[in-house]
């Protein structure tokens, strides 16, 4: 547990709790990013190894997010990255490779300029904060929660949170729509739920 929440957190509304948790986690992530991610991508590749051949969706790191690209590039099978279709919608995933021509998508994330859509069975999920129950705090748009819920209704899905250990909270504020992760991988450990 790296982040300490203020004692008055319980007096805040759920929305206020999430806002304060994000503020603390962004600061911790920025400091961790500056220190480097160590073996995090190798740990992630090890967790992904049993899923070789299954369609994988990762993400293009932005700002101080931990970088999954080496593990994505090493995956044996289709790899996609998220494309935001619009507010309130689930994500879609466009096929990606390390040599794919990229353009800037919504929120500034890079997306493949063209390519086939893929239906992932394994997702590397970015996050702002996480806890040891397997819950994550995202950016607040609900994109991954909607996406995971929809994919799980179609077929089994493995959701892997990827973060710096410094982003851990004692307990992430959650609501009924929040989807639990199957794994969380950091530069120092792998948590399985």
C-alpha atoms as a PDB file:
ATOM      1  CA  UNK A   1       0.000   0.000   0.000  1.00  0.00           C
ATOM      2  CA  UNK A   2       1.658   3.175  -1.143  1.00  0.00           C
ATOM      3  CA  UNK A   3      -0.934   5.946  -1.157  1.00  0.00           C
ATOM      4  CA  UNK A   4      -2.473   7.120   2.086  1.00  0.00           C
ATOM      5  CA  UNK A   5      -5.946   8.590   1.890  1.00  0.00           C
ATOM      6  CA  UNK A   6      -6.907  11.491   4.171  1.00  0.00           C
ATOM      7  CA  UNK A   7      -9.014  10.538   7.207  1.00  0.00           C
ATOM      8  CA  UNK A   8     -11.880  12.779   6.064  1.00  0.00           C
ATOM      9  CA  UNK A   9     -12.397  10.704   2.851  1.00  0.00           C
ATOM     10  CA  UNK A  10     -15.381   8.886   4.397  1.00  0.00           C
ATOM     11  CA  UNK A  11     -17.156  12.228   4.824  1.00  0.00           C
ATOM     12  CA  UNK A  12     -17.014  12.888   1.059  1.00  0.00           C
ATOM     13  CA  UNK A  13     -19.509  11.760  -1.568  1.00  0.00           C
ATOM     14  CA  UNK A  14     -18.449   8.865  -3.814  1.00  0.00           C
ATOM     15  CA  UNK A  15     -17.727  11.326  -6.636  1.00  0.00           C
ATOM     16  CA  UNK A  16     -15.591  13.468  -4.315  1.00  0.00           C
ATOM     17  CA  UNK A  17     -13.781  10.369  -3.009  1.00  0.00           C
ATOM     18  CA  UNK A  18     -12.910   9.320  -6.568  1.00  0.00           C
ATOM     19  CA  UNK A  19     -11.730  12.838  -7.433  1.00  0.00           C
ATOM     20  CA  UNK A  20      -9.443  12.983  -4.382  1.00  0.00           C
ATOM     21  CA  UNK A  21      -8.138   9.445  -5.011  1.00  0.00           C
ATOM     22  CA  UNK A  22      -7.346  10.381  -8.626  1.00  0.00           C
ATOM     23  CA  UNK A  23      -5.500  13.518  -7.506  1.00  0.00           C
ATOM     24  CA  UNK A  24      -3.288  11.523  -5.138  1.00  0.00           C
ATOM     25  CA  UNK A  25      -2.746   8.689  -7.628  1.00  0.00           C
ATOM     26  CA  UNK A  26      -1.785  10.998 -10.505  1.00  0.00           C
ATOM     27  CA  UNK A  27       0.897  12.583  -8.318  1.00  0.00           C
ATOM     28  CA  UNK A  28       2.216   9.165  -7.244  1.00  0.00           C
ATOM     29  CA  UNK A  29       2.184   7.915 -10.846  1.00  0.00           C
ATOM     30  CA  UNK A  30       4.117  10.959 -12.044  1.00  0.00           C
ATOM     31  CA  UNK A  31       6.852  10.348  -9.459  1.00  0.00           C
ATOM     32  CA  UNK A  32       6.982   6.608 -10.252  1.00  0.00           C
ATOM     33  CA  UNK A  33       7.167   7.297 -13.995  1.00  0.00           C
ATOM     34  CA  UNK A  34      10.141   9.607 -13.444  1.00  0.00           C
ATOM     35  CA  UNK A  35      11.922   6.796 -11.569  1.00  0.00           C
ATOM     36  CA  UNK A  36      11.380   4.311 -14.447  1.00  0.00           C
ATOM     37  CA  UNK A  37       9.322   1.175 -14.791  1.00  0.00           C
ATOM     38  CA  UNK A  38      12.030  -1.412 -14.219  1.00  0.00           C
ATOM     39  CA  UNK A  39      10.956  -4.931 -15.251  1.00  0.00           C
ATOM     40  CA  UNK A  40       7.250  -4.091 -15.491  1.00  0.00           C
ATOM     41  CA  UNK A  41       6.920  -4.883 -19.231  1.00  0.00           C
ATOM     42  CA  UNK A  42       8.760  -8.200 -18.758  1.00  0.00           C
ATOM     43  CA  UNK A  43       6.416  -9.140 -15.888  1.00  0.00           C
ATOM     44  CA  UNK A  44       3.453  -8.256 -18.076  1.00  0.00           C
ATOM     45  CA  UNK A  45       4.801 -10.410 -20.931  1.00  0.00           C
ATOM     46  CA  UNK A  46       5.145 -13.327 -18.481  1.00  0.00           C
ATOM     47  CA  UNK A  47       1.503 -12.954 -17.412  1.00  0.00           C
ATOM     48  CA  UNK A  48       0.433 -12.780 -21.078  1.00  0.00           C
ATOM     49  CA  UNK A  49       2.459 -15.857 -22.142  1.00  0.00           C
ATOM     50  CA  UNK A  50      -0.279 -18.443 -21.302  1.00  0.00           C
ATOM     51  CA  UNK A  51      -2.656 -16.486 -23.563  1.00  0.00           C
ATOM     52  CA  UNK A  52      -0.502 -16.741 -26.706  1.00  0.00           C
ATOM     53  CA  UNK A  53      -2.702 -16.972 -29.781  1.00  0.00           C
ATOM     54  CA  UNK A  54      -5.665 -15.236 -28.118  1.00  0.00           C
ATOM     55  CA  UNK A  55      -6.638 -11.756 -29.311  1.00  0.00           C
ATOM     56  CA  UNK A  56      -5.126  -9.142 -27.003  1.00  0.00           C
ATOM     57  CA  UNK A  57      -6.040  -5.493 -26.524  1.00  0.00           C
ATOM     58  CA  UNK A  58      -3.523  -3.165 -24.936  1.00  0.00           C
ATOM     59  CA  UNK A  59      -3.253   0.604 -24.946  1.00  0.00           C
ATOM     60  CA  UNK A  60      -0.979   3.350 -26.199  1.00  0.00           C
ATOM     61  CA  UNK A  61       0.596   4.959 -23.121  1.00  0.00           C
ATOM     62  CA  UNK A  62      -0.074   8.644 -22.590  1.00  0.00           C
ATOM     63  CA  UNK A  63       1.720  11.110 -20.351  1.00  0.00           C
ATOM     64  CA  UNK A  64       2.904   9.211 -17.241  1.00  0.00           C
ATOM     65  CA  UNK A  65       1.124   5.880 -17.850  1.00  0.00           C
ATOM     66  CA  UNK A  66       3.231   2.754 -17.515  1.00  0.00           C
ATOM     67  CA  UNK A  67       4.273   1.463 -20.962  1.00  0.00           C
ATOM     68  CA  UNK A  68       2.848  -1.922 -22.115  1.00  0.00           C
ATOM     69  CA  UNK A  69       4.149  -1.671 -25.704  1.00  0.00           C
ATOM     70  CA  UNK A  70       7.096  -4.110 -25.364  1.00  0.00           C
ATOM     71  CA  UNK A  71       4.773  -6.807 -23.984  1.00  0.00           C
ATOM     72  CA  UNK A  72       2.156  -6.068 -26.650  1.00  0.00           C
ATOM     73  CA  UNK A  73       4.746  -6.291 -29.439  1.00  0.00           C
ATOM     74  CA  UNK A  74       5.957  -9.657 -28.086  1.00  0.00           C
ATOM     75  CA  UNK A  75       2.442 -11.184 -27.964  1.00  0.00           C
ATOM     76  CA  UNK A  76       1.839 -14.106 -30.308  1.00  0.00           C
ATOM     77  CA  UNK A  77      -1.545 -13.336 -31.831  1.00  0.00           C
ATOM     78  CA  UNK A  78      -3.674 -10.379 -32.825  1.00  0.00           C
ATOM     79  CA  UNK A  79      -3.098  -7.195 -30.851  1.00  0.00           C
ATOM     80  CA  UNK A  80      -5.408  -4.205 -30.814  1.00  0.00           C
ATOM     81  CA  UNK A  81      -5.627  -0.805 -29.173  1.00  0.00           C
ATOM     82  CA  UNK A  82      -8.753   1.039 -28.021  1.00  0.00           C
ATOM     83  CA  UNK A  83     -10.697   3.444 -30.168  1.00  0.00           C
ATOM     84  CA  UNK A  84     -13.228   5.718 -28.478  1.00  0.00           C
ATOM     85  CA  UNK A  85     -16.400   5.834 -30.559  1.00  0.00           C
ATOM     86  CA  UNK A  86     -18.187   8.350 -28.357  1.00  0.00           C
ATOM     87  CA  UNK A  87     -19.124   9.285 -24.800  1.00  0.00           C
ATOM     88  CA  UNK A  88     -21.129   6.625 -22.990  1.00  0.00           C
ATOM     89  CA  UNK A  89     -20.130   3.861 -25.422  1.00  0.00           C
ATOM     90  CA  UNK A  90     -17.961   0.801 -25.065  1.00  0.00           C
ATOM     91  CA  UNK A  91     -14.527   0.831 -26.673  1.00  0.00           C
ATOM     92  CA  UNK A  92     -13.716  -0.932 -29.931  1.00  0.00           C
ATOM     93  CA  UNK A  93     -10.270  -2.261 -30.688  1.00  0.00           C
ATOM     94  CA  UNK A  94      -8.395  -1.735 -33.931  1.00  0.00           C
ATOM     95  CA  UNK A  95      -5.601  -4.120 -34.904  1.00  0.00           C
ATOM     96  CA  UNK A  96      -2.159  -2.731 -34.073  1.00  0.00           C
ATOM     97  CA  UNK A  97       1.459  -3.571 -34.808  1.00  0.00           C
ATOM     98  CA  UNK A  98       4.670  -1.761 -33.944  1.00  0.00           C
ATOM     99  CA  UNK A  99       4.877  -0.543 -37.567  1.00  0.00           C
ATOM    100  CA  UNK A 100       1.232   0.531 -37.985  1.00  0.00           C
ATOM    101  CA  UNK A 101       0.729   4.145 -39.155  1.00  0.00           C
ATOM    102  CA  UNK A 102      -0.820   5.973 -36.207  1.00  0.00           C
ATOM    103  CA  UNK A 103      -3.038   9.050 -35.870  1.00  0.00           C
ATOM    104  CA  UNK A 104      -4.233  10.988 -32.847  1.00  0.00           C
ATOM    105  CA  UNK A 105      -7.612   9.813 -31.555  1.00  0.00           C
ATOM    106  CA  UNK A 106      -9.911  11.151 -28.863  1.00  0.00           C
ATOM    107  CA  UNK A 107      -8.227  12.257 -25.623  1.00  0.00           C
ATOM    108  CA  UNK A 108      -4.914  12.445 -27.516  1.00  0.00           C
ATOM    109  CA  UNK A 109      -4.225   8.701 -27.584  1.00  0.00           C
ATOM    110  CA  UNK A 110      -2.676   7.302 -30.730  1.00  0.00           C
ATOM    111  CA  UNK A 111      -4.754   4.830 -32.758  1.00  0.00           C
ATOM    112  CA  UNK A 112      -3.988   2.913 -35.959  1.00  0.00           C
ATOM    113  CA  UNK A 113      -4.967   4.967 -38.988  1.00  0.00           C
ATOM    114  CA  UNK A 114      -6.635   1.923 -40.572  1.00  0.00           C
ATOM    115  CA  UNK A 115      -7.028  -1.728 -39.744  1.00  0.00           C
ATOM    116  CA  UNK A 116      -9.403  -4.487 -38.837  1.00  0.00           C
ATOM    117  CA  UNK A 117     -11.456  -4.472 -35.664  1.00  0.00           C
ATOM    118  CA  UNK A 118     -10.603  -7.253 -33.232  1.00  0.00           C
ATOM    119  CA  UNK A 119     -12.631  -8.875 -30.459  1.00  0.00           C
ATOM    120  CA  UNK A 120     -10.155  -9.262 -27.568  1.00  0.00           C
ATOM    121  CA  UNK A 121     -10.209 -12.108 -25.088  1.00  0.00           C
ATOM    122  CA  UNK A 122      -7.400 -10.553 -23.024  1.00  0.00           C
ATOM    123  CA  UNK A 123      -7.233  -6.844 -22.108  1.00  0.00           C
ATOM    124  CA  UNK A 124      -4.372  -4.826 -20.654  1.00  0.00           C
ATOM    125  CA  UNK A 125      -6.242  -2.101 -18.786  1.00  0.00           C
ATOM    126  CA  UNK A 126      -4.723   1.287 -17.936  1.00  0.00           C
ATOM    127  CA  UNK A 127      -5.629   2.760 -14.585  1.00  0.00           C
ATOM    128  CA  UNK A 128      -5.106   5.657 -12.246  1.00  0.00           C
ATOM    129  CA  UNK A 129      -5.214   3.654  -8.994  1.00  0.00           C
ATOM    130  CA  UNK A 130      -5.869   0.091  -7.821  1.00  0.00           C
ATOM    131  CA  UNK A 131      -6.377  -1.908  -4.643  1.00  0.00           C
ATOM    132  CA  UNK A 132      -5.665  -5.461  -3.503  1.00  0.00           C
ATOM    133  CA  UNK A 133      -9.295  -6.489  -4.048  1.00  0.00           C
ATOM    134  CA  UNK A 134      -8.727  -6.202  -7.804  1.00  0.00           C
ATOM    135  CA  UNK A 135     -10.559  -2.932  -8.349  1.00  0.00           C
ATOM    136  CA  UNK A 136      -9.236  -0.047 -10.392  1.00  0.00           C
ATOM    137  CA  UNK A 137      -9.927   3.632 -10.558  1.00  0.00           C
ATOM    138  CA  UNK A 138      -9.950   4.885 -14.136  1.00  0.00           C
ATOM    139  CA  UNK A 139     -10.220   8.329 -15.597  1.00  0.00           C
ATOM    140  CA  UNK A 140     -13.942   8.660 -14.928  1.00  0.00           C
ATOM    141  CA  UNK A 141     -15.453   8.023 -18.358  1.00  0.00           C
ATOM    142  CA  UNK A 142     -16.514   4.432 -17.626  1.00  0.00           C
ATOM    143  CA  UNK A 143     -15.154   3.212 -20.974  1.00  0.00           C
ATOM    144  CA  UNK A 144     -13.383   0.123 -19.652  1.00  0.00           C
ATOM    145  CA  UNK A 145     -16.185  -0.815 -17.258  1.00  0.00           C
ATOM    146  CA  UNK A 146     -18.741  -0.747 -20.106  1.00  0.00           C
ATOM    147  CA  UNK A 147     -16.340  -2.570 -22.409  1.00  0.00           C
ATOM    148  CA  UNK A 148     -15.529  -5.334 -19.921  1.00  0.00           C
ATOM    149  CA  UNK A 149     -19.194  -5.809 -19.051  1.00  0.00           C
ATOM    150  CA  UNK A 150     -20.110  -6.125 -22.745  1.00  0.00           C
ATOM    151  CA  UNK A 151     -17.254  -8.476 -23.623  1.00  0.00           C
ATOM    152  CA  UNK A 152     -17.927 -10.716 -20.598  1.00  0.00           C
ATOM    153  CA  UNK A 153     -21.519 -11.084 -21.794  1.00  0.00           C
ATOM    154  CA  UNK A 154     -20.157 -12.547 -25.072  1.00  0.00           C
ATOM    155  CA  UNK A 155     -17.241 -14.735 -23.933  1.00  0.00           C
ATOM    156  CA  UNK A 156     -14.663 -15.181 -21.166  1.00  0.00           C
ATOM    157  CA  UNK A 157     -12.293 -12.217 -20.850  1.00  0.00           C
ATOM    158  CA  UNK A 158      -9.097 -11.819 -18.840  1.00  0.00           C
ATOM    159  CA  UNK A 159      -8.610  -8.244 -17.601  1.00  0.00           C
ATOM    160  CA  UNK A 160      -5.077  -7.282 -16.561  1.00  0.00           C
ATOM    161  CA  UNK A 161      -4.488  -3.946 -14.858  1.00  0.00           C
ATOM    162  CA  UNK A 162      -1.034  -2.482 -15.508  1.00  0.00           C
ATOM    163  CA  UNK A 163       0.353   0.183 -13.190  1.00  0.00           C
ATOM    164  CA  UNK A 164       3.189   1.362 -11.015  1.00  0.00           C
ATOM    165  CA  UNK A 165       3.114  -0.036  -7.480  1.00  0.00           C
ATOM    166  CA  UNK A 166       2.950   3.563  -6.214  1.00  0.00           C
ATOM    167  CA  UNK A 167      -0.606   3.777  -7.602  1.00  0.00           C
ATOM    168  CA  UNK A 168      -1.962   1.350  -5.001  1.00  0.00           C
ATOM    169  CA  UNK A 169      -4.664   2.620  -2.649  1.00  0.00           C
ATOM    170  CA  UNK A 170      -5.844   0.924   0.549  1.00  0.00           C
ATOM    171  CA  UNK A 171      -9.310   0.733  -1.029  1.00  0.00           C
ATOM    172  CA  UNK A 172     -10.535   2.149  -4.330  1.00  0.00           C
ATOM    173  CA  UNK A 173     -13.950   3.831  -4.031  1.00  0.00           C
ATOM    174  CA  UNK A 174     -16.265   1.655  -6.142  1.00  0.00           C
ATOM    175  CA  UNK A 175     -19.830   1.560  -7.376  1.00  0.00           C
ATOM    176  CA  UNK A 176     -21.912  -1.332  -8.769  1.00  0.00           C
ATOM    177  CA  UNK A 177     -20.821  -0.741 -12.394  1.00  0.00           C
ATOM    178  CA  UNK A 178     -17.089  -1.027 -11.602  1.00  0.00           C
ATOM    179  CA  UNK A 179     -15.559  -4.186 -13.081  1.00  0.00           C
ATOM    180  CA  UNK A 180     -13.042  -6.210 -11.084  1.00  0.00           C
ATOM    181  CA  UNK A 181      -9.728  -7.133 -12.715  1.00  0.00           C
ATOM    182  CA  UNK A 182      -8.282 -10.652 -12.917  1.00  0.00           C
ATOM    183  CA  UNK A 183      -4.663  -9.526 -12.466  1.00  0.00           C
ATOM    184  CA  UNK A 184      -2.722  -6.397 -11.631  1.00  0.00           C
ATOM    185  CA  UNK A 185       0.876  -6.214 -12.813  1.00  0.00           C
ATOM    186  CA  UNK A 186       3.346  -3.677 -11.439  1.00  0.00           C
ATOM    187  CA  UNK A 187       7.116  -3.266 -11.678  1.00  0.00           C
ATOM    188  CA  UNK A 188       7.495  -5.299  -8.476  1.00  0.00           C
ATOM    189  CA  UNK A 189       4.683  -7.873  -8.345  1.00  0.00           C
ATOM    190  CA  UNK A 190       1.782  -9.672  -9.971  1.00  0.00           C
ATOM    191  CA  UNK A 191      -1.520  -9.780  -8.092  1.00  0.00           C
ATOM    192  CA  UNK A 192      -4.082 -12.416  -9.070  1.00  0.00           C
ATOM    193  CA  UNK A 193      -7.760 -12.302  -8.158  1.00  0.00           C
END
